[in-house]
Amino acid sequence: MKKIIITLLLVNSLLLVGQEKKIERNFRLTGSIDTYYTTNLSTSEIGTNGILSDVTANGFGLGMANTIFSYEKEKTGFVGDLAFGPRANAANAYSGAINQLYVYYHVSEALKFTLGQFNTFYGYEVISPTGNFNYSVSHLFNAGPFSHTGLKIDYRASEDLSFMLAITNPHGIISGSNSTSDTYQLGLQTGYKGQFLNLAYGADGFGFTDVLYLDYTGGFDITTTISLGINAAYAHSKDADSGYRGMALYVQKEFTKTFSLGLRPELFTTTSSGADTRISAFTLTGNSRLSENLNLLTELRYDNSNAILFAGGKDTITGLTMAVVYHF
């Protein structure tokens, strides 16, 4: 009898171990932490430019702590993306911890439905610093949108060709909260061999219902160590009689397996019935991989405008930033 009981216990233990291994394969935990030092080289006034944060730092600053829980089984799965800190606050309109929160269902290998809040399909850069080469963000990125809440349908016609349709709340509605309006935004994307044409139209959540957003995001590998990224965008509202247009290039050169250098020149213009405001920005970033999980970013950035006065009442600003990004 004792042998039977011991055998049953051993079988049960093996089954539990098998279940744990199966769960471990389906469940993933990833994330990042970033922090930095920045200084204004143009003036003693506080503030540099382009760092995604709800509080302008002049000295040491915090980015965000990001934790992503995901689980997938058969055709379904979910993502719970939580982020805390000044960078998360700036990107998610003080919504608290929710960066992304969605479930998805693969109808087939080619067709996928996603419902919830997801980061935007629009533009070249993303909220998490682990997804960008530069630490500061472009004016195009800051113009938004950052995230959407609604339904997204992805269809992969072939290995090279893909389509996406999204029906979402206006992106200006605070991320991580429910909509109380009956206005929506339509999103479309066509992708071909790594080049993406994006469109969004509808309510923006800031009082206008006819805002058109157009965006091209893509790039090319010039050589095995040199790449070129491209982002061009246009937005306009007839009701608001305003919008923006701009273009940014991302030229990156890999010198060694642990060090790359990137230059991001950008031209950005806000348009209105009055005078347009033009901004040019040049960002040079050295990206050093100190370990498999830790990167050091040293960045020099220069911004110039015909109408905006930056810190210190000047129309130019030069900032130096050193940031560390740890990802797991």
C-alpha atoms as a PDB file:
ATOM      1  CA  MET A   1       0.000   0.000   0.000  1.00  0.00           C
ATOM      2  CA  LYS A   2       2.819   2.414   0.889  1.00  0.00           C
ATOM      3  CA  LYS A   3       4.463   1.695  -2.463  1.00  0.00           C
ATOM      4  CA  ILE A   4       1.220   2.546  -4.282  1.00  0.00           C
ATOM      5  CA  ILE A   5       0.865   5.828  -2.365  1.00  0.00           C
ATOM      6  CA  ILE A   6       4.497   6.790  -3.008  1.00  0.00           C
ATOM      7  CA  THR A   7       4.108   5.948  -6.703  1.00  0.00           C
ATOM      8  CA  LEU A   8       0.958   8.103  -6.960  1.00  0.00           C
ATOM      9  CA  LEU A   9       2.738  10.982  -5.235  1.00  0.00           C
ATOM     10  CA  LEU A  10       5.675  10.730  -7.638  1.00  0.00           C
ATOM     11  CA  VAL A  11       3.344  10.667 -10.665  1.00  0.00           C
ATOM     12  CA  ASN A  12       1.444  13.665  -9.312  1.00  0.00           C
ATOM     13  CA  SER A  13       4.724  15.565  -8.761  1.00  0.00           C
ATOM     14  CA  LEU A  14       5.851  14.831 -12.313  1.00  0.00           C
ATOM     15  CA  LEU A  15       2.505  16.045 -13.657  1.00  0.00           C
ATOM     16  CA  LEU A  16       2.789  19.265 -11.640  1.00  0.00           C
ATOM     17  CA  VAL A  17       6.328  19.839 -12.903  1.00  0.00           C
ATOM     18  CA  GLY A  18       5.117  19.295 -16.448  1.00  0.00           C
ATOM     19  CA  GLN A  19       2.312  21.788 -15.927  1.00  0.00           C
ATOM     20  CA  GLU A  20       4.740  24.345 -14.461  1.00  0.00           C
ATOM     21  CA  LYS A  21       7.066  23.972 -17.434  1.00  0.00           C
ATOM     22  CA  LYS A  22       4.124  24.368 -19.808  1.00  0.00           C
ATOM     23  CA  ILE A  23       2.962  27.519 -18.027  1.00  0.00           C
ATOM     24  CA  GLU A  24       6.521  28.828 -17.990  1.00  0.00           C
ATOM     25  CA  ARG A  25       6.753  28.441 -21.769  1.00  0.00           C
ATOM     26  CA  ASN A  26       3.494  30.333 -22.312  1.00  0.00           C
ATOM     27  CA  PHE A  27       4.071  33.069 -19.738  1.00  0.00           C
ATOM     28  CA  ARG A  28       6.646  35.840 -20.267  1.00  0.00           C
ATOM     29  CA  LEU A  29       7.869  38.633 -18.024  1.00  0.00           C
ATOM     30  CA  THR A  30       9.934  41.417 -19.620  1.00  0.00           C
ATOM     31  CA  GLY A  31      10.601  45.060 -18.895  1.00  0.00           C
ATOM     32  CA  SER A  32      13.086  47.875 -18.443  1.00  0.00           C
ATOM     33  CA  ILE A  33      14.310  50.651 -16.150  1.00  0.00           C
ATOM     34  CA  ASP A  34      15.929  53.881 -17.348  1.00  0.00           C
ATOM     35  CA  THR A  35      17.483  56.900 -15.659  1.00  0.00           C
ATOM     36  CA  TYR A  36      19.658  59.770 -16.889  1.00  0.00           C
ATOM     37  CA  TYR A  37      21.662  62.938 -16.362  1.00  0.00           C
ATOM     38  CA  THR A  38      21.055  65.995 -18.562  1.00  0.00           C
ATOM     39  CA  THR A  39      22.362  69.544 -18.700  1.00  0.00           C
ATOM     40  CA  ASN A  40      21.596  72.636 -20.755  1.00  0.00           C
ATOM     41  CA  LEU A  41      24.758  73.786 -22.511  1.00  0.00           C
ATOM     42  CA  SER A  42      23.108  76.953 -23.883  1.00  0.00           C
ATOM     43  CA  THR A  43      22.214  78.639 -20.614  1.00  0.00           C
ATOM     44  CA  SER A  44      22.105  78.086 -16.874  1.00  0.00           C
ATOM     45  CA  GLU A  45      18.300  78.027 -17.083  1.00  0.00           C
ATOM     46  CA  ILE A  46      16.574  74.748 -16.297  1.00  0.00           C
ATOM     47  CA  GLY A  47      15.614  72.324 -19.002  1.00  0.00           C
ATOM     48  CA  THR A  48      16.948  70.564 -22.058  1.00  0.00           C
ATOM     49  CA  ASN A  49      14.782  69.486 -24.973  1.00  0.00           C
ATOM     50  CA  GLY A  50      13.182  66.293 -26.214  1.00  0.00           C
ATOM     51  CA  ILE A  51      13.380  64.101 -23.113  1.00  0.00           C
ATOM     52  CA  LEU A  52      10.014  62.401 -22.655  1.00  0.00           C
ATOM     53  CA  SER A  53       9.019  63.409 -19.129  1.00  0.00           C
ATOM     54  CA  ASP A  54       6.234  65.188 -17.254  1.00  0.00           C
ATOM     55  CA  VAL A  55       8.858  67.033 -15.183  1.00  0.00           C
ATOM     56  CA  THR A  56      11.727  68.855 -16.903  1.00  0.00           C
ATOM     57  CA  ALA A  57      14.994  67.730 -15.363  1.00  0.00           C
ATOM     58  CA  ASN A  58      18.179  69.772 -15.168  1.00  0.00           C
ATOM     59  CA  GLY A  59      20.598  67.347 -13.602  1.00  0.00           C
ATOM     60  CA  PHE A  60      19.662  63.810 -12.653  1.00  0.00           C
ATOM     61  CA  GLY A  61      16.293  62.514 -13.787  1.00  0.00           C
ATOM     62  CA  LEU A  62      14.161  59.397 -13.768  1.00  0.00           C
ATOM     63  CA  GLY A  63      12.668  57.710 -16.803  1.00  0.00           C
ATOM     64  CA  MET A  64      10.293  54.882 -16.043  1.00  0.00           C
ATOM     65  CA  ALA A  65      10.040  51.373 -14.663  1.00  0.00           C
ATOM     66  CA  ASN A  66       8.290  49.146 -17.183  1.00  0.00           C
ATOM     67  CA  THR A  67       6.997  45.621 -16.571  1.00  0.00           C
ATOM     68  CA  ILE A  68       5.241  43.612 -19.262  1.00  0.00           C
ATOM     69  CA  PHE A  69       3.256  40.472 -18.433  1.00  0.00           C
ATOM     70  CA  SER A  70       2.157  38.364 -21.382  1.00  0.00           C
ATOM     71  CA  TYR A  71       0.551  34.955 -21.770  1.00  0.00           C
ATOM     72  CA  GLU A  72      -0.269  32.977 -24.888  1.00  0.00           C
ATOM     73  CA  LYS A  73      -2.012  29.648 -25.315  1.00  0.00           C
ATOM     74  CA  GLU A  74      -3.076  28.198 -28.631  1.00  0.00           C
ATOM     75  CA  LYS A  75      -4.823  31.030 -30.542  1.00  0.00           C
ATOM     76  CA  THR A  76      -5.333  33.516 -27.701  1.00  0.00           C
ATOM     77  CA  GLY A  77      -3.268  35.680 -25.390  1.00  0.00           C
ATOM     78  CA  PHE A  78      -3.033  38.899 -23.454  1.00  0.00           C
ATOM     79  CA  VAL A  79      -0.532  41.659 -22.661  1.00  0.00           C
ATOM     80  CA  GLY A  80      -0.493  43.721 -19.472  1.00  0.00           C
ATOM     81  CA  ASP A  81       2.097  46.489 -19.842  1.00  0.00           C
ATOM     82  CA  LEU A  82       2.600  48.537 -16.666  1.00  0.00           C
ATOM     83  CA  ALA A  83       4.809  51.630 -16.497  1.00  0.00           C
ATOM     84  CA  PHE A  84       5.624  54.046 -13.656  1.00  0.00           C
ATOM     85  CA  GLY A  85       7.630  57.280 -13.616  1.00  0.00           C
ATOM     86  CA  PRO A  86       7.930  60.668 -15.343  1.00  0.00           C
ATOM     87  CA  ARG A  87       8.386  59.134 -18.810  1.00  0.00           C
ATOM     88  CA  ALA A  88       5.306  56.955 -18.402  1.00  0.00           C
ATOM     89  CA  ASN A  89       3.290  59.905 -17.088  1.00  0.00           C
ATOM     90  CA  ALA A  90       4.164  62.052 -20.108  1.00  0.00           C
ATOM     91  CA  ALA A  91       3.243  59.310 -22.571  1.00  0.00           C
ATOM     92  CA  ASN A  92       0.039  58.207 -20.870  1.00  0.00           C
ATOM     93  CA  ALA A  93      -1.431  61.544 -19.790  1.00  0.00           C
ATOM     94  CA  TYR A  94      -1.087  60.901 -16.047  1.00  0.00           C
ATOM     95  CA  SER A  95      -3.243  57.787 -16.319  1.00  0.00           C
ATOM     96  CA  GLY A  96      -1.308  55.834 -13.744  1.00  0.00           C
ATOM     97  CA  ALA A  97       0.312  52.519 -14.467  1.00  0.00           C
ATOM     98  CA  ILE A  98      -1.371  51.290 -17.656  1.00  0.00           C
ATOM     99  CA  ASN A  99       0.732  51.569 -20.791  1.00  0.00           C
ATOM    100  CA  GLN A 100      -0.917  48.718 -22.694  1.00  0.00           C
ATOM    101  CA  LEU A 101      -3.711  46.325 -21.766  1.00  0.00           C
ATOM    102  CA  TYR A 102      -5.186  44.093 -24.445  1.00  0.00           C
ATOM    103  CA  VAL A 103      -6.255  40.588 -25.446  1.00  0.00           C
ATOM    104  CA  TYR A 104      -5.853  39.037 -28.879  1.00  0.00           C
ATOM    105  CA  TYR A 105      -7.209  36.146 -30.900  1.00  0.00           C
ATOM    106  CA  HIS A 106      -5.598  34.510 -33.940  1.00  0.00           C
ATOM    107  CA  VAL A 107      -8.457  33.502 -36.228  1.00  0.00           C
ATOM    108  CA  SER A 108      -5.817  32.003 -38.502  1.00  0.00           C
ATOM    109  CA  GLU A 109      -2.101  32.408 -39.160  1.00  0.00           C
ATOM    110  CA  ALA A 110      -2.931  35.419 -41.333  1.00  0.00           C
ATOM    111  CA  LEU A 111      -5.780  37.081 -39.366  1.00  0.00           C
ATOM    112  CA  LYS A 112      -5.527  38.502 -35.828  1.00  0.00           C
ATOM    113  CA  PHE A 113      -7.989  40.509 -33.690  1.00  0.00           C
ATOM    114  CA  THR A 114      -6.779  42.728 -30.825  1.00  0.00           C
ATOM    115  CA  LEU A 115      -9.042  44.473 -28.291  1.00  0.00           C
ATOM    116  CA  GLY A 116      -7.946  46.909 -25.577  1.00  0.00           C
ATOM    117  CA  GLN A 117      -5.307  49.616 -25.249  1.00  0.00           C
ATOM    118  CA  PHE A 118      -2.205  49.278 -27.426  1.00  0.00           C
ATOM    119  CA  ASN A 119       0.674  51.583 -28.330  1.00  0.00           C
ATOM    120  CA  THR A 120       0.221  53.414 -31.596  1.00  0.00           C
ATOM    121  CA  PHE A 121       0.981  51.926 -34.995  1.00  0.00           C
ATOM    122  CA  TYR A 122       1.826  55.476 -36.068  1.00  0.00           C
ATOM    123  CA  GLY A 123       5.396  56.791 -36.348  1.00  0.00           C
ATOM    124  CA  TYR A 124       8.969  55.537 -36.041  1.00  0.00           C
ATOM    125  CA  GLU A 125       9.623  55.867 -32.301  1.00  0.00           C
ATOM    126  CA  VAL A 126       7.932  54.225 -29.320  1.00  0.00           C
ATOM    127  CA  ILE A 127       7.333  55.016 -25.651  1.00  0.00           C
ATOM    128  CA  SER A 128       9.790  52.493 -24.218  1.00  0.00           C
ATOM    129  CA  PRO A 129      13.436  53.614 -24.508  1.00  0.00           C
ATOM    130  CA  THR A 130      14.414  50.022 -25.324  1.00  0.00           C
ATOM    131  CA  GLY A 131      12.688  50.380 -28.698  1.00  0.00           C
ATOM    132  CA  ASN A 132      14.510  53.568 -29.749  1.00  0.00           C
ATOM    133  CA  PHE A 133      18.133  54.199 -30.691  1.00  0.00           C
ATOM    134  CA  ASN A 134      18.071  57.790 -29.343  1.00  0.00           C
ATOM    135  CA  TYR A 135      17.102  58.578 -25.760  1.00  0.00           C
ATOM    136  CA  SER A 136      15.328  61.874 -26.442  1.00  0.00           C
ATOM    137  CA  VAL A 137      12.300  61.725 -28.742  1.00  0.00           C
ATOM    138  CA  SER A 138      11.549  63.582 -31.954  1.00  0.00           C
ATOM    139  CA  HIS A 139       9.042  66.412 -32.361  1.00  0.00           C
ATOM    140  CA  LEU A 140       7.091  64.081 -34.634  1.00  0.00           C
ATOM    141  CA  PHE A 141       6.788  61.564 -31.806  1.00  0.00           C
ATOM    142  CA  ASN A 142       5.736  64.267 -29.341  1.00  0.00           C
ATOM    143  CA  ALA A 143       2.984  65.360 -31.741  1.00  0.00           C
ATOM    144  CA  GLY A 144       1.338  61.985 -31.090  1.00  0.00           C
ATOM    145  CA  PRO A 145      -0.696  59.891 -30.984  1.00  0.00           C
ATOM    146  CA  PHE A 146       0.939  57.641 -28.355  1.00  0.00           C
ATOM    147  CA  SER A 147      -1.684  54.947 -27.701  1.00  0.00           C
ATOM    148  CA  HIS A 148      -5.133  53.829 -28.844  1.00  0.00           C
ATOM    149  CA  THR A 149      -8.011  52.037 -27.127  1.00  0.00           C
ATOM    150  CA  GLY A 150     -10.293  49.963 -29.305  1.00  0.00           C
ATOM    151  CA  LEU A 151     -10.329  47.144 -31.838  1.00  0.00           C
ATOM    152  CA  LYS A 152      -7.477  46.369 -34.230  1.00  0.00           C
ATOM    153  CA  ILE A 153      -7.572  43.810 -37.050  1.00  0.00           C
ATOM    154  CA  ASP A 154      -4.273  42.665 -38.586  1.00  0.00           C
ATOM    155  CA  TYR A 155      -4.113  40.684 -41.808  1.00  0.00           C
ATOM    156  CA  ARG A 156      -0.892  39.295 -43.279  1.00  0.00           C
ATOM    157  CA  ALA A 157      -1.467  38.665 -46.976  1.00  0.00           C
ATOM    158  CA  SER A 158       2.048  37.327 -47.509  1.00  0.00           C
ATOM    159  CA  GLU A 159       5.483  37.409 -45.936  1.00  0.00           C
ATOM    160  CA  ASP A 160       6.020  40.901 -47.370  1.00  0.00           C
ATOM    161  CA  LEU A 161       2.518  42.420 -47.448  1.00  0.00           C
ATOM    162  CA  SER A 162       0.291  43.268 -44.472  1.00  0.00           C
ATOM    163  CA  PHE A 163      -2.810  45.343 -43.715  1.00  0.00           C
ATOM    164  CA  MET A 164      -4.324  46.722 -40.518  1.00  0.00           C
ATOM    165  CA  LEU A 165      -7.721  48.268 -39.692  1.00  0.00           C
ATOM    166  CA  ALA A 166      -8.421  49.913 -36.313  1.00  0.00           C
ATOM    167  CA  ILE A 167     -11.554  51.458 -34.800  1.00  0.00           C
ATOM    168  CA  THR A 168     -10.634  53.240 -31.580  1.00  0.00           C
ATOM    169  CA  ASN A 169     -11.555  55.944 -29.125  1.00  0.00           C
ATOM    170  CA  PRO A 170     -10.110  59.401 -29.871  1.00  0.00           C
ATOM    171  CA  HIS A 171      -6.439  59.101 -28.888  1.00  0.00           C
ATOM    172  CA  GLY A 172      -6.622  62.244 -26.736  1.00  0.00           C
ATOM    173  CA  ILE A 173      -8.860  60.472 -24.229  1.00  0.00           C
ATOM    174  CA  ILE A 174      -6.693  59.729 -21.204  1.00  0.00           C
ATOM    175  CA  SER A 175      -4.944  56.403 -21.606  1.00  0.00           C
ATOM    176  CA  GLY A 176      -6.040  53.716 -19.194  1.00  0.00           C
ATOM    177  CA  SER A 177      -9.556  55.118 -18.795  1.00  0.00           C
ATOM    178  CA  ASN A 178     -12.945  54.416 -20.335  1.00  0.00           C
ATOM    179  CA  SER A 179     -14.518  56.569 -23.041  1.00  0.00           C
ATOM    180  CA  THR A 180     -17.591  58.648 -22.212  1.00  0.00           C
ATOM    181  CA  SER A 181     -18.115  59.970 -25.747  1.00  0.00           C
ATOM    182  CA  ASP A 182     -19.598  58.431 -28.876  1.00  0.00           C
ATOM    183  CA  THR A 183     -16.872  59.682 -31.215  1.00  0.00           C
ATOM    184  CA  TYR A 184     -14.259  57.439 -32.775  1.00  0.00           C
ATOM    185  CA  GLN A 185     -11.069  57.359 -34.787  1.00  0.00           C
ATOM    186  CA  LEU A 186     -10.401  55.149 -37.801  1.00  0.00           C
ATOM    187  CA  GLY A 187      -6.913  53.777 -38.401  1.00  0.00           C
ATOM    188  CA  LEU A 188      -5.456  52.097 -41.496  1.00  0.00           C
ATOM    189  CA  GLN A 189      -2.020  50.674 -42.240  1.00  0.00           C
ATOM    190  CA  THR A 190      -0.419  49.064 -45.267  1.00  0.00           C
ATOM    191  CA  GLY A 191       2.982  47.442 -44.885  1.00  0.00           C
ATOM    192  CA  TYR A 192       5.266  46.166 -47.617  1.00  0.00           C
ATOM    193  CA  LYS A 193       8.778  44.848 -47.034  1.00  0.00           C
ATOM    194  CA  GLY A 194       9.329  46.917 -43.882  1.00  0.00           C
ATOM    195  CA  GLN A 195       7.790  50.123 -45.282  1.00  0.00           C
ATOM    196  CA  PHE A 196       4.542  51.302 -43.661  1.00  0.00           C
ATOM    197  CA  LEU A 197       1.934  53.840 -44.741  1.00  0.00           C
ATOM    198  CA  ASN A 198      -0.358  54.836 -41.862  1.00  0.00           C
ATOM    199  CA  LEU A 199      -3.592  56.816 -41.766  1.00  0.00           C
ATOM    200  CA  ALA A 200      -5.812  57.920 -38.900  1.00  0.00           C
ATOM    201  CA  TYR A 201      -8.958  60.025 -39.219  1.00  0.00           C
ATOM    202  CA  GLY A 202     -11.696  61.190 -36.891  1.00  0.00           C
ATOM    203  CA  ALA A 203     -11.996  62.673 -33.425  1.00  0.00           C
ATOM    204  CA  ASP A 204      -8.771  63.461 -31.611  1.00  0.00           C
ATOM    205  CA  GLY A 205     -10.176  63.828 -28.091  1.00  0.00           C
ATOM    206  CA  PHE A 206      -9.277  67.531 -27.924  1.00  0.00           C
ATOM    207  CA  GLY A 207     -12.570  68.866 -29.277  1.00  0.00           C
ATOM    208  CA  PHE A 208     -12.141  68.258 -33.009  1.00  0.00           C
ATOM    209  CA  THR A 209     -13.760  65.478 -35.062  1.00  0.00           C
ATOM    210  CA  ASP A 210     -12.174  65.848 -38.505  1.00  0.00           C
ATOM    211  CA  VAL A 211      -8.446  65.406 -37.875  1.00  0.00           C
ATOM    212  CA  LEU A 212      -6.481  63.610 -40.580  1.00  0.00           C
ATOM    213  CA  TYR A 213      -3.122  62.005 -39.791  1.00  0.00           C
ATOM    214  CA  LEU A 214      -0.847  60.599 -42.493  1.00  0.00           C
ATOM    215  CA  ASP A 215       2.462  58.903 -41.761  1.00  0.00           C
ATOM    216  CA  TYR A 216       5.189  57.021 -43.582  1.00  0.00           C
ATOM    217  CA  THR A 217       7.606  54.917 -41.565  1.00  0.00           C
ATOM    218  CA  GLY A 218      10.320  52.793 -43.077  1.00  0.00           C
ATOM    219  CA  GLY A 219      13.997  52.440 -43.803  1.00  0.00           C
ATOM    220  CA  PHE A 220      16.746  50.545 -45.551  1.00  0.00           C
ATOM    221  CA  ASP A 221      20.002  48.783 -44.787  1.00  0.00           C
ATOM    222  CA  ILE A 222      22.605  50.668 -46.813  1.00  0.00           C
ATOM    223  CA  THR A 223      25.384  48.233 -45.863  1.00  0.00           C
ATOM    224  CA  THR A 224      25.730  45.486 -43.272  1.00  0.00           C
ATOM    225  CA  THR A 225      26.713  48.119 -40.665  1.00  0.00           C
ATOM    226  CA  ILE A 226      24.880  51.263 -41.868  1.00  0.00           C
ATOM    227  CA  SER A 227      21.103  51.709 -41.781  1.00  0.00           C
ATOM    228  CA  LEU A 228      18.721  54.530 -42.683  1.00  0.00           C
ATOM    229  CA  GLY A 229      15.328  55.018 -41.021  1.00  0.00           C
ATOM    230  CA  ILE A 230      12.708  57.446 -42.338  1.00  0.00           C
ATOM    231  CA  ASN A 231       9.640  59.020 -40.755  1.00  0.00           C
ATOM    232  CA  ALA A 232       7.469  61.603 -42.527  1.00  0.00           C
ATOM    233  CA  ALA A 233       4.104  62.794 -41.229  1.00  0.00           C
ATOM    234  CA  TYR A 234       1.290  65.242 -41.930  1.00  0.00           C
ATOM    235  CA  ALA A 235      -1.756  66.206 -39.855  1.00  0.00           C
ATOM    236  CA  HIS A 236      -4.540  68.731 -40.394  1.00  0.00           C
ATOM    237  CA  SER A 237      -7.956  69.670 -39.054  1.00  0.00           C
ATOM    238  CA  LYS A 238     -10.210  71.946 -41.058  1.00  0.00           C
ATOM    239  CA  ASP A 239     -12.279  72.747 -37.962  1.00  0.00           C
ATOM    240  CA  ALA A 240      -9.182  73.706 -35.963  1.00  0.00           C
ATOM    241  CA  ASP A 241      -7.507  75.257 -39.015  1.00  0.00           C
ATOM    242  CA  SER A 242      -4.226  73.849 -37.791  1.00  0.00           C
ATOM    243  CA  GLY A 243      -1.948  70.847 -38.023  1.00  0.00           C
ATOM    244  CA  TYR A 244       1.680  69.890 -38.513  1.00  0.00           C
ATOM    245  CA  ARG A 245       4.111  68.336 -40.962  1.00  0.00           C
ATOM    246  CA  GLY A 246       7.619  67.033 -40.581  1.00  0.00           C
ATOM    247  CA  MET A 247      10.332  64.567 -41.475  1.00  0.00           C
ATOM    248  CA  ALA A 248      13.076  62.815 -39.536  1.00  0.00           C
ATOM    249  CA  LEU A 249      15.948  60.603 -40.690  1.00  0.00           C
ATOM    250  CA  TYR A 250      17.698  57.983 -38.571  1.00  0.00           C
ATOM    251  CA  VAL A 251      21.235  57.271 -39.789  1.00  0.00           C
ATOM    252  CA  GLN A 252      23.009  54.632 -37.711  1.00  0.00           C
ATOM    253  CA  LYS A 253      26.447  53.101 -37.995  1.00  0.00           C
ATOM    254  CA  GLU A 254      27.602  50.019 -36.094  1.00  0.00           C
ATOM    255  CA  PHE A 255      31.321  50.278 -35.374  1.00  0.00           C
ATOM    256  CA  THR A 256      31.628  47.225 -33.134  1.00  0.00           C
ATOM    257  CA  LYS A 257      29.251  44.690 -31.604  1.00  0.00           C
ATOM    258  CA  THR A 258      29.065  46.913 -28.523  1.00  0.00           C
ATOM    259  CA  PHE A 259      29.097  50.461 -29.941  1.00  0.00           C
ATOM    260  CA  SER A 260      26.968  52.280 -32.527  1.00  0.00           C
ATOM    261  CA  LEU A 261      26.594  55.931 -33.483  1.00  0.00           C
ATOM    262  CA  GLY A 262      23.367  57.483 -34.710  1.00  0.00           C
ATOM    263  CA  LEU A 263      22.375  60.866 -36.170  1.00  0.00           C
ATOM    264  CA  ARG A 264      18.753  62.045 -36.243  1.00  0.00           C
ATOM    265  CA  PRO A 265      18.159  65.250 -38.262  1.00  0.00           C
ATOM    266  CA  GLU A 266      14.565  66.499 -38.132  1.00  0.00           C
ATOM    267  CA  LEU A 267      12.452  69.276 -39.611  1.00  0.00           C
ATOM    268  CA  PHE A 268       9.084  69.951 -37.976  1.00  0.00           C
ATOM    269  CA  THR A 269       6.453  72.640 -38.644  1.00  0.00           C
ATOM    270  CA  THR A 270       3.208  73.392 -36.850  1.00  0.00           C
ATOM    271  CA  THR A 271       0.696  74.996 -39.217  1.00  0.00           C
ATOM    272  CA  SER A 272      -2.205  77.360 -38.538  1.00  0.00           C
ATOM    273  CA  SER A 273      -4.157  80.209 -40.121  1.00  0.00           C
ATOM    274  CA  GLY A 274      -1.536  82.512 -38.646  1.00  0.00           C
ATOM    275  CA  ALA A 275       2.206  82.131 -39.021  1.00  0.00           C
ATOM    276  CA  ASP A 276       3.752  78.665 -39.108  1.00  0.00           C
ATOM    277  CA  THR A 277       6.255  77.627 -36.452  1.00  0.00           C
ATOM    278  CA  ARG A 278       9.332  75.832 -37.750  1.00  0.00           C
ATOM    279  CA  ILE A 279      11.741  73.742 -35.700  1.00  0.00           C
ATOM    280  CA  SER A 280      14.908  71.954 -36.762  1.00  0.00           C
ATOM    281  CA  ALA A 281      16.599  69.465 -34.468  1.00  0.00           C
ATOM    282  CA  PHE A 282      19.831  67.463 -34.743  1.00  0.00           C
ATOM    283  CA  THR A 283      20.546  64.624 -32.330  1.00  0.00           C
ATOM    284  CA  LEU A 284      23.816  62.672 -32.169  1.00  0.00           C
ATOM    285  CA  THR A 285      23.733  59.569 -29.989  1.00  0.00           C
ATOM    286  CA  GLY A 286      26.422  57.108 -29.032  1.00  0.00           C
ATOM    287  CA  ASN A 287      24.905  53.807 -27.945  1.00  0.00           C
ATOM    288  CA  SER A 288      27.244  51.585 -25.913  1.00  0.00           C
ATOM    289  CA  ARG A 289      26.249  48.093 -24.797  1.00  0.00           C
ATOM    290  CA  LEU A 290      27.917  47.617 -21.415  1.00  0.00           C
ATOM    291  CA  SER A 291      26.432  44.155 -20.957  1.00  0.00           C
ATOM    292  CA  GLU A 292      23.735  41.979 -22.463  1.00  0.00           C
ATOM    293  CA  ASN A 293      21.108  43.889 -20.496  1.00  0.00           C
ATOM    294  CA  LEU A 294      22.591  47.366 -19.925  1.00  0.00           C
ATOM    295  CA  ASN A 295      23.094  50.189 -22.449  1.00  0.00           C
ATOM    296  CA  LEU A 296      24.726  53.586 -21.991  1.00  0.00           C
ATOM    297  CA  LEU A 297      23.452  56.368 -24.274  1.00  0.00           C
ATOM    298  CA  THR A 298      25.477  59.568 -24.625  1.00  0.00           C
ATOM    299  CA  GLU A 299      23.549  62.196 -26.558  1.00  0.00           C
ATOM    300  CA  LEU A 300      24.162  65.715 -27.863  1.00  0.00           C
ATOM    301  CA  ARG A 301      21.085  67.545 -29.165  1.00  0.00           C
ATOM    302  CA  TYR A 302      20.622  70.943 -30.839  1.00  0.00           C
ATOM    303  CA  ASP A 303      17.206  72.540 -31.509  1.00  0.00           C
ATOM    304  CA  ASN A 304      16.466  75.760 -33.381  1.00  0.00           C
ATOM    305  CA  SER A 305      13.149  77.550 -34.017  1.00  0.00           C
ATOM    306  CA  ASN A 306      11.891  80.638 -35.824  1.00  0.00           C
ATOM    307  CA  ALA A 307       9.204  81.330 -33.223  1.00  0.00           C
ATOM    308  CA  ILE A 308       9.622  79.231 -30.085  1.00  0.00           C
ATOM    309  CA  LEU A 309      11.732  80.527 -27.219  1.00  0.00           C
ATOM    310  CA  PHE A 310      13.398  77.713 -25.323  1.00  0.00           C
ATOM    311  CA  ALA A 311      14.815  77.840 -21.800  1.00  0.00           C
ATOM    312  CA  GLY A 312      16.578  81.125 -21.126  1.00  0.00           C
ATOM    313  CA  GLY A 313      14.522  82.992 -23.740  1.00  0.00           C
ATOM    314  CA  LYS A 314      16.657  81.785 -26.651  1.00  0.00           C
ATOM    315  CA  ASP A 315      15.556  80.450 -30.034  1.00  0.00           C
ATOM    316  CA  THR A 316      18.180  77.695 -29.846  1.00  0.00           C
ATOM    317  CA  ILE A 317      18.977  75.113 -27.215  1.00  0.00           C
ATOM    318  CA  THR A 318      21.808  72.587 -26.868  1.00  0.00           C
ATOM    319  CA  GLY A 319      21.544  69.727 -24.428  1.00  0.00           C
ATOM    320  CA  LEU A 320      23.867  66.954 -23.291  1.00  0.00           C
ATOM    321  CA  THR A 321      22.321  63.790 -21.892  1.00  0.00           C
ATOM    322  CA  MET A 322      23.758  60.543 -20.537  1.00  0.00           C
ATOM    323  CA  ALA A 323      21.239  57.781 -19.925  1.00  0.00           C
ATOM    324  CA  VAL A 324      21.380  54.158 -18.848  1.00  0.00           C
ATOM    325  CA  VAL A 325      18.703  51.690 -19.932  1.00  0.00           C
ATOM    326  CA  TYR A 326      18.452  48.256 -18.327  1.00  0.00           C
ATOM    327  CA  HIS A 327      16.173  45.689 -19.976  1.00  0.00           C
ATOM    328  CA  PHE A 328      15.289  42.138 -19.084  1.00  0.00           C
END
